[in-house]
N, C-alpha and C. Protein backbone atom coordinates (compact mmCIF):
# COMPACT_ATOMS: atom_id res chain seq x y z
N MET A 1 -33.14 1.77 -2.48
CA MET A 1 -31.97 2.50 -1.98
C MET A 1 -31.19 1.67 -0.96
N ALA A 2 -31.90 0.87 -0.15
CA ALA A 2 -31.24 0.06 0.87
C ALA A 2 -30.32 -0.98 0.24
N ILE A 3 -30.73 -1.53 -0.92
CA ILE A 3 -29.89 -2.52 -1.61
C ILE A 3 -28.59 -1.87 -2.07
N ALA A 4 -28.68 -0.68 -2.65
CA ALA A 4 -27.48 0.03 -3.10
C ALA A 4 -26.58 0.34 -1.91
N GLN A 5 -27.16 0.74 -0.81
CA GLN A 5 -26.39 1.06 0.39
C GLN A 5 -25.67 -0.18 0.90
N ARG A 6 -26.35 -1.32 0.92
CA ARG A 6 -25.71 -2.57 1.37
C ARG A 6 -24.59 -2.97 0.42
N SER A 7 -24.79 -2.76 -0.86
CA SER A 7 -23.75 -3.10 -1.84
C SER A 7 -22.51 -2.24 -1.64
N ILE A 8 -22.72 -0.96 -1.41
CA ILE A 8 -21.57 -0.07 -1.19
C ILE A 8 -20.88 -0.42 0.12
N THR A 9 -21.66 -0.77 1.14
CA THR A 9 -21.06 -1.18 2.42
C THR A 9 -20.23 -2.45 2.23
N ARG A 10 -20.74 -3.39 1.44
CA ARG A 10 -19.98 -4.61 1.14
C ARG A 10 -18.69 -4.26 0.40
N PHE A 11 -18.79 -3.36 -0.56
CA PHE A 11 -17.62 -2.92 -1.31
C PHE A 11 -16.61 -2.24 -0.37
N PHE A 12 -17.13 -1.47 0.59
CA PHE A 12 -16.28 -0.84 1.60
C PHE A 12 -15.50 -1.91 2.37
N ARG A 13 -16.19 -2.93 2.83
CA ARG A 13 -15.53 -3.99 3.62
C ARG A 13 -14.48 -4.72 2.79
N VAL A 14 -14.81 -5.02 1.55
CA VAL A 14 -13.85 -5.71 0.68
C VAL A 14 -12.62 -4.83 0.45
N SER A 15 -12.83 -3.55 0.17
CA SER A 15 -11.68 -2.66 -0.07
C SER A 15 -10.83 -2.50 1.19
N ILE A 16 -11.47 -2.45 2.34
CA ILE A 16 -10.72 -2.35 3.61
C ILE A 16 -9.95 -3.63 3.86
N LEU A 17 -10.55 -4.78 3.57
CA LEU A 17 -9.83 -6.05 3.72
C LEU A 17 -8.64 -6.11 2.78
N LEU A 18 -8.80 -5.60 1.56
CA LEU A 18 -7.66 -5.55 0.63
C LEU A 18 -6.56 -4.64 1.17
N LYS A 19 -6.96 -3.52 1.78
CA LYS A 19 -5.98 -2.62 2.40
C LYS A 19 -5.26 -3.35 3.53
N GLY A 20 -6.01 -4.16 4.29
CA GLY A 20 -5.41 -4.93 5.38
C GLY A 20 -4.42 -5.96 4.86
N LEU A 21 -4.77 -6.63 3.76
CA LEU A 21 -3.86 -7.59 3.15
C LEU A 21 -2.61 -6.89 2.64
N HIS A 22 -2.80 -5.74 2.03
CA HIS A 22 -1.66 -4.95 1.55
C HIS A 22 -0.77 -4.52 2.72
N ALA A 23 -1.39 -4.16 3.84
CA ALA A 23 -0.64 -3.77 5.03
C ALA A 23 0.20 -4.95 5.54
N LEU A 24 -0.38 -6.13 5.56
CA LEU A 24 0.37 -7.32 6.00
C LEU A 24 1.55 -7.59 5.08
N LEU A 25 1.35 -7.44 3.77
CA LEU A 25 2.45 -7.63 2.83
C LEU A 25 3.55 -6.59 3.04
N GLU A 26 3.16 -5.35 3.35
CA GLU A 26 4.16 -4.32 3.64
C GLU A 26 4.95 -4.66 4.90
N ILE A 27 4.27 -5.17 5.91
CA ILE A 27 4.95 -5.54 7.16
C ILE A 27 5.94 -6.68 6.91
N VAL A 28 5.51 -7.69 6.16
CA VAL A 28 6.40 -8.80 5.83
C VAL A 28 7.58 -8.30 4.99
N GLY A 29 7.29 -7.50 3.97
CA GLY A 29 8.35 -6.96 3.11
C GLY A 29 9.33 -6.09 3.89
N GLY A 30 8.81 -5.23 4.75
CA GLY A 30 9.69 -4.38 5.57
C GLY A 30 10.56 -5.19 6.50
N THR A 31 9.98 -6.21 7.09
CA THR A 31 10.74 -7.08 7.99
C THR A 31 11.84 -7.80 7.23
N LEU A 32 11.51 -8.33 6.06
CA LEU A 32 12.52 -9.01 5.24
C LEU A 32 13.63 -8.06 4.83
N LEU A 33 13.27 -6.83 4.48
CA LEU A 33 14.30 -5.86 4.10
C LEU A 33 15.25 -5.57 5.26
N TYR A 34 14.73 -5.56 6.49
CA TYR A 34 15.59 -5.32 7.64
C TYR A 34 16.60 -6.44 7.84
N VAL A 35 16.21 -7.67 7.57
CA VAL A 35 17.08 -8.80 7.91
C VAL A 35 17.93 -9.32 6.75
N ILE A 36 17.60 -8.94 5.52
CA ILE A 36 18.35 -9.45 4.37
C ILE A 36 19.34 -8.40 3.88
N HIS A 37 20.56 -8.81 3.66
CA HIS A 37 21.63 -7.91 3.20
C HIS A 37 21.39 -7.53 1.73
N PRO A 38 21.76 -6.28 1.35
CA PRO A 38 21.57 -5.85 -0.05
C PRO A 38 22.21 -6.77 -1.09
N ASP A 39 23.37 -7.35 -0.78
CA ASP A 39 24.01 -8.27 -1.73
C ASP A 39 23.14 -9.50 -1.99
N THR A 40 22.51 -10.00 -0.94
CA THR A 40 21.62 -11.16 -1.08
C THR A 40 20.42 -10.80 -1.94
N ILE A 41 19.89 -9.61 -1.73
CA ILE A 41 18.75 -9.15 -2.54
C ILE A 41 19.16 -9.04 -4.00
N GLN A 42 20.34 -8.47 -4.25
CA GLN A 42 20.82 -8.31 -5.62
C GLN A 42 21.01 -9.68 -6.30
N LYS A 43 21.59 -10.64 -5.59
CA LYS A 43 21.77 -11.99 -6.17
C LYS A 43 20.42 -12.64 -6.46
N PHE A 44 19.47 -12.48 -5.55
CA PHE A 44 18.14 -13.06 -5.73
C PHE A 44 17.44 -12.46 -6.95
N ILE A 45 17.47 -11.13 -7.07
CA ILE A 45 16.84 -10.46 -8.21
C ILE A 45 17.53 -10.85 -9.51
N SER A 46 18.84 -10.95 -9.48
CA SER A 46 19.59 -11.35 -10.68
C SER A 46 19.17 -12.75 -11.12
N HIS A 47 19.06 -13.66 -10.17
CA HIS A 47 18.62 -15.03 -10.48
C HIS A 47 17.18 -15.04 -10.98
N LEU A 48 16.33 -14.24 -10.34
CA LEU A 48 14.91 -14.18 -10.68
C LEU A 48 14.67 -13.66 -12.10
N THR A 49 15.47 -12.70 -12.52
CA THR A 49 15.25 -12.05 -13.82
C THR A 49 16.10 -12.63 -14.95
N GLN A 50 16.99 -13.54 -14.63
CA GLN A 50 17.94 -14.09 -15.61
C GLN A 50 17.24 -14.65 -16.85
N ASN A 51 16.27 -15.51 -16.70
CA ASN A 51 15.61 -16.13 -17.85
C ASN A 51 14.83 -15.11 -18.67
N GLU A 52 14.17 -14.20 -17.98
CA GLU A 52 13.38 -13.18 -18.70
C GLU A 52 14.29 -12.31 -19.56
N LEU A 53 15.45 -11.95 -19.04
CA LEU A 53 16.37 -11.11 -19.80
C LEU A 53 17.05 -11.87 -20.94
N LEU A 54 17.15 -13.19 -20.79
CA LEU A 54 17.66 -14.00 -21.91
C LEU A 54 16.68 -13.97 -23.07
N GLU A 55 15.38 -13.95 -22.76
CA GLU A 55 14.35 -13.89 -23.79
C GLU A 55 14.26 -12.49 -24.41
N ASP A 56 14.35 -11.47 -23.55
CA ASP A 56 14.20 -10.09 -24.02
C ASP A 56 15.09 -9.18 -23.18
N ARG A 57 16.21 -8.77 -23.73
CA ARG A 57 17.19 -7.94 -23.00
C ARG A 57 16.60 -6.60 -22.58
N ARG A 58 15.52 -6.16 -23.24
CA ARG A 58 14.93 -4.85 -22.94
C ARG A 58 13.70 -4.95 -22.04
N ASP A 59 13.46 -6.10 -21.42
CA ASP A 59 12.29 -6.28 -20.56
C ASP A 59 12.28 -5.20 -19.47
N LEU A 60 11.22 -4.38 -19.47
CA LEU A 60 11.14 -3.23 -18.57
C LEU A 60 11.13 -3.64 -17.10
N ILE A 61 10.32 -4.60 -16.74
CA ILE A 61 10.19 -5.00 -15.33
C ILE A 61 11.49 -5.63 -14.84
N ALA A 62 12.04 -6.56 -15.60
CA ALA A 62 13.28 -7.22 -15.19
C ALA A 62 14.42 -6.22 -15.05
N ASN A 63 14.54 -5.32 -16.01
CA ASN A 63 15.61 -4.32 -15.95
C ASN A 63 15.41 -3.35 -14.78
N THR A 64 14.16 -2.98 -14.52
CA THR A 64 13.89 -2.08 -13.39
C THR A 64 14.24 -2.76 -12.08
N LEU A 65 13.85 -4.01 -11.94
CA LEU A 65 14.20 -4.76 -10.72
C LEU A 65 15.71 -4.86 -10.54
N ARG A 66 16.40 -5.20 -11.60
CA ARG A 66 17.86 -5.31 -11.51
C ARG A 66 18.51 -3.97 -11.16
N HIS A 67 18.07 -2.93 -11.83
CA HIS A 67 18.62 -1.59 -11.58
C HIS A 67 18.39 -1.19 -10.12
N THR A 68 17.19 -1.42 -9.63
CA THR A 68 16.87 -1.08 -8.24
C THR A 68 17.74 -1.88 -7.28
N ALA A 69 17.87 -3.18 -7.51
CA ALA A 69 18.68 -4.03 -6.63
C ALA A 69 20.15 -3.64 -6.65
N GLU A 70 20.65 -3.28 -7.82
CA GLU A 70 22.06 -2.90 -7.95
C GLU A 70 22.37 -1.59 -7.23
N HIS A 71 21.39 -0.72 -7.12
CA HIS A 71 21.61 0.58 -6.50
C HIS A 71 21.06 0.67 -5.08
N LEU A 72 20.76 -0.48 -4.50
CA LEU A 72 20.20 -0.51 -3.15
C LEU A 72 21.33 -0.40 -2.14
N SER A 73 21.38 0.72 -1.44
CA SER A 73 22.39 0.92 -0.40
C SER A 73 21.81 0.47 0.94
N ILE A 74 22.67 0.36 1.92
CA ILE A 74 22.19 -0.03 3.25
C ILE A 74 21.26 1.04 3.81
N SER A 75 21.58 2.33 3.59
CA SER A 75 20.70 3.39 4.10
C SER A 75 19.38 3.40 3.33
N GLY A 76 19.45 3.16 2.02
CA GLY A 76 18.23 3.09 1.22
C GLY A 76 17.37 1.90 1.63
N LYS A 77 18.02 0.79 1.93
CA LYS A 77 17.32 -0.41 2.37
C LYS A 77 16.67 -0.15 3.73
N SER A 78 17.38 0.53 4.60
CA SER A 78 16.83 0.82 5.94
C SER A 78 15.63 1.75 5.83
N PHE A 79 15.72 2.76 4.96
CA PHE A 79 14.58 3.66 4.78
C PHE A 79 13.38 2.91 4.23
N ALA A 80 13.61 2.08 3.21
CA ALA A 80 12.51 1.32 2.60
C ALA A 80 11.88 0.38 3.63
N ALA A 81 12.72 -0.27 4.43
CA ALA A 81 12.20 -1.18 5.46
C ALA A 81 11.38 -0.42 6.49
N PHE A 82 11.90 0.72 6.95
CA PHE A 82 11.17 1.54 7.92
C PHE A 82 9.85 2.03 7.33
N TYR A 83 9.90 2.49 6.08
CA TYR A 83 8.70 3.00 5.43
C TYR A 83 7.65 1.90 5.32
N LEU A 84 8.05 0.74 4.83
CA LEU A 84 7.10 -0.36 4.68
C LEU A 84 6.52 -0.80 6.02
N LEU A 85 7.38 -0.94 7.02
CA LEU A 85 6.90 -1.37 8.33
C LEU A 85 5.95 -0.35 8.96
N SER A 86 6.34 0.91 8.96
CA SER A 86 5.50 1.93 9.59
C SER A 86 4.18 2.09 8.82
N HIS A 87 4.27 2.14 7.51
CA HIS A 87 3.09 2.26 6.65
C HIS A 87 2.16 1.07 6.88
N GLY A 88 2.74 -0.13 6.91
CA GLY A 88 1.95 -1.35 7.10
C GLY A 88 1.29 -1.42 8.46
N VAL A 89 2.02 -1.08 9.51
CA VAL A 89 1.46 -1.14 10.87
C VAL A 89 0.34 -0.11 11.03
N ILE A 90 0.57 1.11 10.56
CA ILE A 90 -0.47 2.15 10.65
C ILE A 90 -1.73 1.71 9.91
N LYS A 91 -1.55 1.23 8.68
CA LYS A 91 -2.71 0.80 7.89
C LYS A 91 -3.43 -0.37 8.55
N LEU A 92 -2.68 -1.32 9.08
CA LEU A 92 -3.30 -2.49 9.70
C LEU A 92 -4.13 -2.10 10.92
N VAL A 93 -3.60 -1.23 11.75
CA VAL A 93 -4.35 -0.76 12.92
C VAL A 93 -5.62 -0.05 12.47
N LEU A 94 -5.51 0.81 11.49
CA LEU A 94 -6.69 1.54 11.00
C LEU A 94 -7.72 0.58 10.39
N VAL A 95 -7.26 -0.40 9.64
CA VAL A 95 -8.18 -1.37 9.04
C VAL A 95 -8.93 -2.13 10.12
N ILE A 96 -8.22 -2.60 11.12
CA ILE A 96 -8.86 -3.34 12.21
C ILE A 96 -9.90 -2.48 12.91
N GLU A 97 -9.55 -1.24 13.18
CA GLU A 97 -10.47 -0.35 13.88
C GLU A 97 -11.65 0.06 13.00
N LEU A 98 -11.44 0.18 11.70
CA LEU A 98 -12.56 0.46 10.79
C LEU A 98 -13.53 -0.72 10.77
N LEU A 99 -12.99 -1.92 10.73
CA LEU A 99 -13.85 -3.10 10.72
C LEU A 99 -14.61 -3.25 12.05
N ARG A 100 -14.04 -2.70 13.11
CA ARG A 100 -14.71 -2.72 14.42
C ARG A 100 -15.66 -1.53 14.58
N LYS A 101 -15.74 -0.71 13.54
CA LYS A 101 -16.61 0.48 13.49
C LYS A 101 -16.31 1.49 14.61
N ARG A 102 -15.05 1.69 14.90
CA ARG A 102 -14.64 2.70 15.87
C ARG A 102 -14.74 4.06 15.20
N LEU A 103 -15.52 4.95 15.76
CA LEU A 103 -15.76 6.26 15.11
C LEU A 103 -14.47 7.04 14.87
N TRP A 104 -13.53 7.01 15.80
CA TRP A 104 -12.30 7.78 15.66
C TRP A 104 -11.47 7.29 14.47
N ALA A 105 -11.65 6.02 14.08
CA ALA A 105 -10.82 5.44 13.02
C ALA A 105 -11.17 6.01 11.64
N TYR A 106 -12.39 6.46 11.46
CA TYR A 106 -12.79 6.97 10.14
C TYR A 106 -12.05 8.27 9.80
N PRO A 107 -12.13 9.30 10.65
CA PRO A 107 -11.37 10.52 10.31
C PRO A 107 -9.85 10.28 10.35
N ALA A 108 -9.39 9.42 11.26
CA ALA A 108 -7.96 9.12 11.31
C ALA A 108 -7.51 8.45 10.01
N SER A 109 -8.34 7.54 9.49
CA SER A 109 -8.02 6.86 8.23
C SER A 109 -8.01 7.84 7.07
N LEU A 110 -8.98 8.73 7.05
CA LEU A 110 -9.02 9.73 5.97
C LEU A 110 -7.76 10.60 6.01
N ALA A 111 -7.34 10.99 7.19
CA ALA A 111 -6.14 11.82 7.32
C ALA A 111 -4.90 11.04 6.88
N MET A 112 -4.77 9.79 7.34
CA MET A 112 -3.58 9.01 7.00
C MET A 112 -3.54 8.65 5.52
N PHE A 113 -4.68 8.21 4.96
CA PHE A 113 -4.69 7.89 3.54
C PHE A 113 -4.45 9.14 2.71
N GLY A 114 -4.94 10.28 3.16
CA GLY A 114 -4.65 11.54 2.48
C GLY A 114 -3.16 11.84 2.48
N ALA A 115 -2.51 11.60 3.62
CA ALA A 115 -1.05 11.81 3.70
C ALA A 115 -0.31 10.81 2.80
N PHE A 116 -0.77 9.55 2.78
CA PHE A 116 -0.15 8.55 1.92
C PHE A 116 -0.30 8.95 0.45
N ILE A 117 -1.47 9.46 0.09
CA ILE A 117 -1.71 9.90 -1.29
C ILE A 117 -0.78 11.05 -1.66
N ALA A 118 -0.63 11.99 -0.75
CA ALA A 118 0.27 13.12 -1.01
C ALA A 118 1.69 12.61 -1.27
N TYR A 119 2.13 11.65 -0.46
CA TYR A 119 3.47 11.10 -0.64
C TYR A 119 3.56 10.33 -1.96
N GLN A 120 2.52 9.56 -2.29
CA GLN A 120 2.52 8.79 -3.54
C GLN A 120 2.60 9.73 -4.74
N LEU A 121 1.89 10.84 -4.69
CA LEU A 121 1.94 11.80 -5.79
C LEU A 121 3.32 12.45 -5.88
N TYR A 122 3.91 12.72 -4.73
CA TYR A 122 5.28 13.25 -4.69
C TYR A 122 6.24 12.24 -5.33
N ARG A 123 6.11 10.95 -4.94
CA ARG A 123 6.97 9.91 -5.51
C ARG A 123 6.74 9.78 -7.01
N TYR A 124 5.50 9.95 -7.45
CA TYR A 124 5.19 9.86 -8.87
C TYR A 124 5.97 10.90 -9.66
N THR A 125 6.16 12.09 -9.09
CA THR A 125 6.90 13.14 -9.80
C THR A 125 8.35 12.73 -10.03
N HIS A 126 8.85 11.78 -9.25
CA HIS A 126 10.23 11.30 -9.42
C HIS A 126 10.31 10.01 -10.23
N THR A 127 9.30 9.13 -10.06
CA THR A 127 9.39 7.82 -10.69
C THR A 127 8.56 7.69 -11.96
N HIS A 128 7.51 8.48 -12.08
CA HIS A 128 6.55 8.39 -13.19
C HIS A 128 5.99 6.97 -13.33
N SER A 129 5.81 6.34 -12.18
CA SER A 129 5.32 4.96 -12.13
C SER A 129 3.79 4.93 -12.25
N ILE A 130 3.32 4.17 -13.21
CA ILE A 130 1.88 3.99 -13.38
C ILE A 130 1.30 3.32 -12.14
N GLY A 131 2.09 2.45 -11.51
CA GLY A 131 1.64 1.79 -10.28
C GLY A 131 1.27 2.78 -9.20
N MET A 132 2.02 3.88 -9.10
CA MET A 132 1.71 4.92 -8.11
C MET A 132 0.35 5.55 -8.40
N ILE A 133 0.07 5.76 -9.66
CA ILE A 133 -1.22 6.35 -10.05
C ILE A 133 -2.36 5.38 -9.74
N VAL A 134 -2.17 4.11 -10.08
CA VAL A 134 -3.19 3.09 -9.80
C VAL A 134 -3.45 3.01 -8.30
N LEU A 135 -2.38 2.97 -7.50
CA LEU A 135 -2.53 2.92 -6.04
C LEU A 135 -3.23 4.16 -5.52
N THR A 136 -2.91 5.31 -6.07
CA THR A 136 -3.54 6.56 -5.64
C THR A 136 -5.03 6.57 -5.98
N VAL A 137 -5.38 6.12 -7.16
CA VAL A 137 -6.80 6.06 -7.54
C VAL A 137 -7.55 5.10 -6.61
N PHE A 138 -6.95 3.95 -6.34
CA PHE A 138 -7.58 2.99 -5.40
C PHE A 138 -7.75 3.63 -4.03
N ASP A 139 -6.71 4.32 -3.55
CA ASP A 139 -6.80 4.99 -2.24
C ASP A 139 -7.89 6.05 -2.23
N LEU A 140 -8.05 6.78 -3.31
CA LEU A 140 -9.11 7.79 -3.39
C LEU A 140 -10.50 7.14 -3.31
N ILE A 141 -10.65 6.01 -3.98
CA ILE A 141 -11.92 5.28 -3.90
C ILE A 141 -12.16 4.79 -2.48
N VAL A 142 -11.13 4.26 -1.85
CA VAL A 142 -11.25 3.79 -0.47
C VAL A 142 -11.59 4.95 0.46
N MET A 143 -10.98 6.10 0.23
CA MET A 143 -11.29 7.27 1.07
C MET A 143 -12.76 7.67 0.92
N TRP A 144 -13.27 7.64 -0.30
CA TRP A 144 -14.68 7.97 -0.51
C TRP A 144 -15.56 6.96 0.24
N LEU A 145 -15.20 5.68 0.16
CA LEU A 145 -15.97 4.65 0.86
C LEU A 145 -15.89 4.83 2.38
N ILE A 146 -14.72 5.19 2.89
CA ILE A 146 -14.56 5.43 4.33
C ILE A 146 -15.45 6.60 4.75
N TRP A 147 -15.39 7.69 3.99
CA TRP A 147 -16.20 8.88 4.32
C TRP A 147 -17.69 8.53 4.31
N ARG A 148 -18.10 7.79 3.31
CA ARG A 148 -19.51 7.40 3.19
C ARG A 148 -19.93 6.49 4.35
N GLU A 149 -19.09 5.51 4.65
CA GLU A 149 -19.40 4.57 5.75
C GLU A 149 -19.41 5.30 7.10
N TYR A 150 -18.52 6.26 7.25
CA TYR A 150 -18.47 7.06 8.48
C TYR A 150 -19.80 7.77 8.70
N ARG A 151 -20.33 8.37 7.64
CA ARG A 151 -21.63 9.06 7.77
C ARG A 151 -22.72 8.08 8.19
N ILE A 152 -22.71 6.87 7.66
CA ILE A 152 -23.72 5.87 8.00
C ILE A 152 -23.56 5.42 9.45
N VAL A 153 -22.35 5.07 9.85
CA VAL A 153 -22.09 4.58 11.21
C VAL A 153 -22.38 5.67 12.22
N LYS A 154 -21.98 6.88 11.90
CA LYS A 154 -22.21 8.01 12.80
C LYS A 154 -23.71 8.24 12.98
N HIS A 155 -24.47 8.14 11.90
CA HIS A 155 -25.92 8.30 11.97
C HIS A 155 -26.56 7.18 12.78
N GLN A 156 -26.09 5.94 12.62
CA GLN A 156 -26.62 4.81 13.36
C GLN A 156 -26.36 4.93 14.86
N ASP A 157 -25.22 5.48 15.20
CA ASP A 157 -24.87 5.66 16.62
C ASP A 157 -25.53 6.90 17.21
N GLY A 158 -26.16 7.69 16.38
CA GLY A 158 -26.81 8.89 16.86
C GLY A 158 -25.86 10.00 17.28
N ALA A 159 -24.62 9.91 16.79
CA ALA A 159 -23.61 10.92 17.16
C ALA A 159 -23.76 12.17 16.32
């Protein structure tokens, strides 16, 4: 049983580190969105997808990227930047505190990831994005690992 427990704890750490990496990417992405003008984003996406669309005019990813860039308003860009930055900073703080085994971080993480999941499911009802479902399933697994690790850490601390 101890081997299985160590394996799950290792999986917990890896998943939390992946969440931390994702948080850093959100912070970088949010920061870039704040400083880059929508026209520059649209030109970049157009250049990025040009060859793919020459090969296949119906390419789903390229067309989705272009459509999104073409309809990116300054207010939409500001919301996306704020969302990415706030989401990234919150996740990064929680990841750091989970890795430091701070007891308060476990229930706080469960609450925040639960809120993120609720928002992701809400977004799914509008976008029908498979990516949202994949992210939600990953978050549910991470939440289970957090809950499980919390029970172990709490027991070790005698709380």
